[in-house]
Protein backbone atom coordinates (compact mmCIF):
# COMPACT_ATOMS: atom_id res chain seq x y z
CA UNK A 1 -73.53 -17.87 33.40
CA UNK A 2 -73.36 -19.17 29.82
CA UNK A 3 -70.30 -21.05 28.60
CA UNK A 4 -69.47 -18.37 26.06
CA UNK A 5 -69.48 -15.73 28.79
CA UNK A 6 -67.01 -17.78 30.79
CA UNK A 7 -64.88 -18.19 27.68
CA UNK A 8 -64.91 -14.42 27.08
CA UNK A 9 -63.84 -13.78 30.66
CA UNK A 10 -60.99 -16.27 30.34
CA UNK A 11 -59.85 -14.84 27.01
CA UNK A 12 -60.15 -11.29 28.34
CA UNK A 13 -58.11 -12.22 31.40
CA UNK A 14 -55.43 -13.79 29.22
CA UNK A 15 -55.32 -10.68 27.03
CA UNK A 16 -55.09 -8.41 30.07
CA UNK A 17 -52.28 -10.54 31.48
CA UNK A 18 -50.55 -10.35 28.11
CA UNK A 19 -50.78 -6.55 28.20
CA UNK A 20 -49.43 -6.40 31.74
CA UNK A 21 -46.54 -8.80 31.11
CA UNK A 22 -45.51 -7.80 27.56
CA UNK A 23 -46.92 -4.59 26.16
CA UNK A 24 -46.73 -2.20 29.11
CA UNK A 25 -43.15 -3.11 30.15
CA UNK A 26 -42.05 -2.93 26.50
CA UNK A 27 -43.45 0.57 26.12
CA UNK A 28 -41.81 1.67 29.36
CA UNK A 29 -38.39 0.34 28.31
CA UNK A 30 -38.70 1.99 24.89
CA UNK A 31 -39.56 5.31 26.53
CA UNK A 32 -36.51 5.00 28.79
CA UNK A 33 -34.36 4.68 25.67
CA UNK A 34 -36.04 7.25 23.46
CA UNK A 35 -37.36 9.87 25.88
CA UNK A 36 -35.47 9.53 29.18
CA UNK A 37 -35.04 12.17 31.85
CA UNK A 38 -32.09 14.22 30.64
CA UNK A 39 -29.60 16.25 32.61
CA UNK A 40 -29.48 19.89 31.56
CA UNK A 41 -26.13 21.57 31.05
CA UNK A 42 -26.78 23.52 34.24
CA UNK A 43 -27.38 20.27 36.16
CA UNK A 44 -24.21 18.78 34.70
CA UNK A 45 -22.11 21.82 35.55
CA UNK A 46 -23.35 21.73 39.15
CA UNK A 47 -22.68 17.99 39.41
CA UNK A 48 -19.20 18.33 37.90
CA UNK A 49 -18.37 21.09 40.37
CA UNK A 50 -19.67 19.01 43.28
CA UNK A 51 -17.61 15.98 42.23
CA UNK A 52 -14.57 18.08 41.28
CA UNK A 53 -14.66 16.51 37.82
CA UNK A 54 -13.73 19.66 35.93
CA UNK A 55 -10.63 20.61 37.88
CA UNK A 56 -8.32 22.38 35.46
CA UNK A 57 -10.91 22.68 32.71
CA UNK A 58 -10.99 26.45 33.08
CA UNK A 59 -7.97 26.59 30.76
CA UNK A 60 -10.09 25.32 27.87
CA UNK A 61 -11.10 28.08 25.46
CA UNK A 62 -14.67 27.09 24.69
CA UNK A 63 -16.01 28.66 21.50
CA UNK A 64 -19.63 27.82 20.80
CA UNK A 65 -20.81 26.61 17.42
CA UNK A 66 -23.86 25.02 15.84
CA UNK A 67 -24.33 22.83 12.80
CA UNK A 68 -27.50 22.25 10.80
CA UNK A 69 -27.71 18.60 9.77
CA UNK A 70 -29.02 16.93 6.63
CA UNK A 71 -32.54 16.68 8.08
CA UNK A 72 -32.62 20.26 9.36
CA UNK A 73 -31.88 19.32 12.96
CA UNK A 74 -29.47 21.68 14.73
CA UNK A 75 -26.67 20.49 17.03
CA UNK A 76 -24.88 22.78 19.49
CA UNK A 77 -21.34 22.41 20.76
CA UNK A 78 -18.00 23.99 21.68
CA UNK A 79 -14.62 24.02 20.02
CA UNK A 80 -11.44 24.21 22.08
CA UNK A 81 -8.80 25.12 19.52
CA UNK A 82 -5.08 25.03 20.27
CA UNK A 83 -3.45 27.59 18.03
CA UNK A 84 -1.02 25.99 15.62
CA UNK A 85 -2.09 22.41 16.36
CA UNK A 86 -3.13 20.16 13.49
CA UNK A 87 -4.48 17.49 15.81
CA UNK A 88 -8.18 17.22 16.68
CA UNK A 89 -10.50 14.95 18.62
CA UNK A 90 -14.30 14.92 18.43
CA UNK A 91 -15.86 13.77 21.71
CA UNK A 92 -19.27 12.13 22.19
CA UNK A 93 -21.02 12.01 25.57
CA UNK A 94 -23.31 9.29 26.91
CA UNK A 95 -27.06 8.72 27.21
CA UNK A 96 -28.89 11.49 29.15
CA UNK A 97 -25.71 13.56 29.47
CA UNK A 98 -24.50 16.53 27.37
CA UNK A 99 -21.27 18.16 26.28
CA UNK A 100 -20.44 19.12 29.86
CA UNK A 101 -19.89 15.39 30.43
CA UNK A 102 -17.16 15.45 27.78
CA UNK A 103 -15.24 18.33 29.30
CA UNK A 104 -12.80 16.44 31.52
CA UNK A 105 -11.95 14.12 28.61
CA UNK A 106 -11.37 17.23 26.51
CA UNK A 107 -8.84 18.42 29.08
CA UNK A 108 -6.82 15.20 28.77
CA UNK A 109 -6.59 15.58 25.00
CA UNK A 110 -5.78 19.26 25.41
CA UNK A 111 -2.85 18.28 27.64
CA UNK A 112 -1.70 15.95 24.86
CA UNK A 113 -1.79 18.77 22.29
CA UNK A 114 -5.16 18.08 20.64
CA UNK A 115 -7.83 20.63 19.87
CA UNK A 116 -11.21 19.20 20.83
CA UNK A 117 -14.75 19.45 19.58
CA UNK A 118 -17.48 18.61 22.08
CA UNK A 119 -21.18 18.78 21.30
CA UNK A 120 -24.62 17.84 22.55
CA UNK A 121 -25.78 14.69 20.83
CA UNK A 122 -29.23 14.62 19.25
CA UNK A 123 -32.00 15.41 21.79
CA UNK A 124 -29.52 16.31 24.55
CA UNK A 125 -28.25 19.51 26.14
CA UNK A 126 -29.11 22.71 24.25
CA UNK A 127 -30.60 20.80 21.32
CA UNK A 128 -34.31 20.45 20.64
CA UNK A 129 -35.71 17.42 22.43
CA UNK A 130 -36.98 14.84 19.95
CA UNK A 131 -35.97 11.18 20.11
CA UNK A 132 -32.71 9.51 21.02
CA UNK A 133 -31.72 6.64 18.73
CA UNK A 134 -28.87 5.16 20.79
CA UNK A 135 -26.22 5.71 18.13
CA UNK A 136 -28.20 5.09 14.95
CA UNK A 137 -28.89 8.66 13.78
CA UNK A 138 -26.23 9.99 16.14
CA UNK A 139 -23.47 8.20 14.21
CA UNK A 140 -24.69 9.79 10.98
CA UNK A 141 -24.69 13.19 12.72
CA UNK A 142 -21.10 12.54 13.78
CA UNK A 143 -20.07 11.91 10.17
CA UNK A 144 -21.37 15.36 9.25
CA UNK A 145 -19.28 16.89 12.04
CA UNK A 146 -16.25 14.90 10.85
CA UNK A 147 -16.72 16.20 7.32
CA UNK A 148 -17.13 19.78 8.54
CA UNK A 149 -13.98 19.48 10.65
CA UNK A 150 -11.94 18.41 7.64
CA UNK A 151 -13.50 21.19 5.57
CA UNK A 152 -12.77 23.84 8.21
CA UNK A 153 -9.25 22.77 9.18
CA UNK A 154 -7.91 20.87 6.17
CA UNK A 155 -7.64 17.30 4.95
CA UNK A 156 -4.11 17.06 6.36
CA UNK A 157 -5.15 17.21 10.03
CA UNK A 158 -4.94 14.30 12.46
CA UNK A 159 -8.51 13.59 13.56
CA UNK A 160 -9.67 11.11 16.16
CA UNK A 161 -12.98 10.18 17.79
CA UNK A 162 -13.65 9.40 21.44
CA UNK A 163 -16.92 8.44 23.07
CA UNK A 164 -18.28 7.23 26.39
CA UNK A 165 -21.15 4.72 26.77
CA UNK A 166 -23.72 5.62 24.09
CA UNK A 167 -21.06 8.00 22.78
CA UNK A 168 -18.74 5.01 22.45
CA UNK A 169 -21.37 3.18 20.42
CA UNK A 170 -21.86 6.33 18.33
CA UNK A 171 -18.19 6.59 17.34
CA UNK A 172 -18.03 2.87 16.56
CA UNK A 173 -21.21 2.97 14.47
CA UNK A 174 -19.79 5.88 12.46
CA UNK A 175 -17.28 3.51 10.84
CA UNK A 176 -20.16 2.15 8.77
CA UNK A 177 -20.18 5.50 6.96
CA UNK A 178 -16.54 6.62 7.18
CA UNK A 179 -13.08 5.23 7.94
CA UNK A 180 -11.01 8.32 7.28
CA UNK A 181 -10.31 9.32 10.88
CA UNK A 182 -6.96 8.38 12.41
CA UNK A 183 -8.12 6.67 15.59
CA UNK A 184 -11.10 5.81 17.77
CA UNK A 185 -11.32 5.56 21.56
CA UNK A 186 -14.34 3.66 22.84
CA UNK A 187 -14.91 3.99 26.58
CA UNK A 188 -17.54 1.49 27.82
CA UNK A 189 -19.54 1.52 24.61
CA UNK A 190 -21.86 -1.40 23.91
CA UNK A 191 -21.45 -3.96 21.20
CA UNK A 192 -25.20 -4.58 21.08
CA UNK A 193 -27.98 -2.40 22.44
CA UNK A 194 -30.21 -5.47 22.48
CA UNK A 195 -27.87 -7.14 24.97
CA UNK A 196 -27.81 -4.03 27.19
CA UNK A 197 -31.61 -4.00 27.25
CA UNK A 198 -31.69 -7.75 27.85
CA UNK A 199 -29.44 -7.38 30.89
CA UNK A 200 -31.54 -4.49 32.18
CA UNK A 201 -34.74 -6.52 31.84
CA UNK A 202 -33.17 -9.48 33.62
CA UNK A 203 -32.10 -7.22 36.50
CA UNK A 204 -35.80 -6.47 37.10
CA UNK A 205 -36.61 -10.20 37.03
CA UNK A 206 -38.68 -9.85 33.85
CA UNK A 207 -38.56 -12.28 30.89
CA UNK A 208 -36.24 -10.83 28.20
CA UNK A 209 -37.12 -13.46 25.59
CA UNK A 210 -40.72 -12.38 25.84
CA UNK A 211 -40.17 -8.63 25.97
CA UNK A 212 -37.31 -8.01 23.53
CA UNK A 213 -39.33 -8.73 20.36
CA UNK A 214 -42.03 -6.30 21.47
CA UNK A 215 -39.50 -3.59 22.29
CA UNK A 216 -37.86 -4.06 18.90
CA UNK A 217 -41.26 -3.95 17.20
CA UNK A 218 -42.08 -0.73 19.02
CA UNK A 219 -38.79 0.79 17.87
CA UNK A 220 -39.43 -0.25 14.27
CA UNK A 221 -43.06 0.83 13.98
CA UNK A 222 -43.08 4.01 16.05
CA UNK A 223 -39.48 5.22 15.75
CA UNK A 224 -38.23 3.72 12.46
CA UNK A 225 -35.08 2.03 13.71
CA UNK A 226 -34.30 -1.25 15.45
CA UNK A 227 -31.83 -2.99 17.72
CA UNK A 228 -29.84 -3.99 14.64
CA UNK A 229 -29.20 -0.33 13.86
CA UNK A 230 -27.46 0.11 17.22
CA UNK A 231 -25.12 -2.88 17.04
CA UNK A 232 -21.47 -1.89 16.51
CA UNK A 233 -20.47 -5.54 16.88
CA UNK A 234 -22.01 -6.35 13.51
CA UNK A 235 -19.85 -3.85 11.59
CA UNK A 236 -16.58 -3.67 13.50
CA UNK A 237 -14.93 -6.56 11.66
CA UNK A 238 -14.75 -4.41 8.50
CA UNK A 239 -13.06 -1.47 10.23
CA UNK A 240 -9.43 -0.52 9.61
CA UNK A 241 -9.20 2.50 11.96
CA UNK A 242 -7.11 1.78 15.12
CA UNK A 243 -9.28 1.44 18.24
CA UNK A 244 -8.50 1.73 21.93
CA UNK A 245 -11.18 0.00 24.03
CA UNK A 246 -11.50 1.12 27.66
CA UNK A 247 -13.89 -0.52 30.12
CA UNK A 248 -14.53 -0.90 33.83
CA UNK A 249 -14.50 -4.44 35.17
CA UNK A 250 -17.34 -3.61 37.59
CA UNK A 251 -19.56 -1.97 34.98
CA UNK A 252 -23.07 -3.16 35.81
CA UNK A 253 -24.82 -1.33 32.95
CA UNK A 254 -22.73 -2.06 29.86
CA UNK A 255 -21.15 -5.22 31.17
CA UNK A 256 -17.52 -6.08 30.57
CA UNK A 257 -18.31 -8.79 28.00
CA UNK A 258 -19.19 -6.02 25.51
CA UNK A 259 -15.58 -4.84 25.52
CA UNK A 260 -14.25 -8.37 25.05
CA UNK A 261 -16.72 -9.11 22.25
CA UNK A 262 -15.83 -5.91 20.41
CA UNK A 263 -12.11 -6.40 20.88
CA UNK A 264 -12.24 -10.00 19.68
CA UNK A 265 -14.32 -9.09 16.62
CA UNK A 266 -12.14 -6.14 15.57
CA UNK A 267 -9.56 -6.84 12.85
CA UNK A 268 -7.88 -3.42 13.00
CA UNK A 269 -4.93 -2.37 15.16
CA UNK A 270 -6.45 -2.51 18.64
CA UNK A 271 -5.85 -2.43 22.36
CA UNK A 272 -8.09 -3.30 25.31
CA UNK A 273 -7.58 -1.62 28.70
CA UNK A 274 -9.55 -2.77 31.76
CA UNK A 275 -9.87 -0.71 34.94
CA UNK A 276 -10.47 -3.34 37.61
CA UNK A 277 -12.31 -1.15 40.13
CA UNK A 278 -14.29 1.04 37.72
CA UNK A 279 -18.04 0.95 37.29
CA UNK A 280 -19.90 2.35 34.28
CA UNK A 281 -18.17 5.36 32.67
CA UNK A 282 -15.92 5.71 35.71
CA UNK A 283 -12.48 4.63 34.50
CA UNK A 284 -11.33 8.24 34.31
CA UNK A 285 -12.73 8.79 37.81
CA UNK A 286 -10.94 5.95 39.54
CA UNK A 287 -7.52 6.69 37.99
CA UNK A 288 -7.19 9.76 35.80
CA UNK A 289 -3.41 9.43 35.67
CA UNK A 290 -3.55 5.93 34.27
CA UNK A 291 -6.37 6.88 31.92
CA UNK A 292 -4.31 9.65 30.39
CA UNK A 293 -1.23 7.41 30.19
CA UNK A 294 -3.14 4.63 28.40
CA UNK A 295 -4.51 7.12 25.87
CA UNK A 296 -1.08 8.68 25.39
CA UNK A 297 0.66 5.32 24.96
CA UNK A 298 -1.90 4.19 22.38
CA UNK A 299 -1.61 7.40 20.37
CA UNK A 300 2.18 7.04 20.39
CA UNK A 301 1.88 3.40 19.35
CA UNK A 302 -0.19 4.28 16.29
CA UNK A 303 2.10 7.20 15.42
CA UNK A 304 -0.09 10.26 15.97
CA UNK A 305 1.89 11.52 18.97
């Protein structure tokens, strides 16, 4: 065998190893973010019934609506309006979920006298499946819903935002475009999507320093957004809207340091509540009574209750 043939084999082997170690895992991770397996509303309803999550939610008067966004995309949701109330909360669910995942949070706000608006985030639930952008486009969608809420119910209403996981990141990212709402509740939202992906990669014993640049490049070239676009931590210091941060100490997906980083960076009126035994998005599950009390106390503290 000639020397150049040996060299080609070596170079080819290196390139193949490069593909196996870097490119393929990067594409897989990107697909998990952008095009994951989603739970249908039917699946979510069945799961909620099995877990008894929606106990009492039958009192909510769910009136369906849809909104056509700036780019022609249509979002679907429900309004639960309390007659005579001038207080509203818009709720954002997490990655792979849908508005059924927001229902038990809606009940808590209903009990506190707030009308609620729940909806399927982009590429979830009843919406057309395209790509998920982990809060980037979703936060801009939320601003359109905020504006429509003020238009429909008046500029004098009390309006808050609440989100869980990716929904938490969505409500925090919306402050880049608006700071006219009265409060924000972030339940286990991430400060940096890059750090969430880094931790996920490490859990599979893969090299994050090697893979993260390729994942980010994939997001930029193929999907036209990047990790930087899903980083609430980079914008929160300029926010003036009061924020209640809620997080589970045992969260192994969006780890607890995200809550501490966000809380420490925020310069607004703020409060951090940790549920010691809660895993990801489970604070309301482990102690609903305390969850409601913490929300109620915060809303009283900032003067909207």
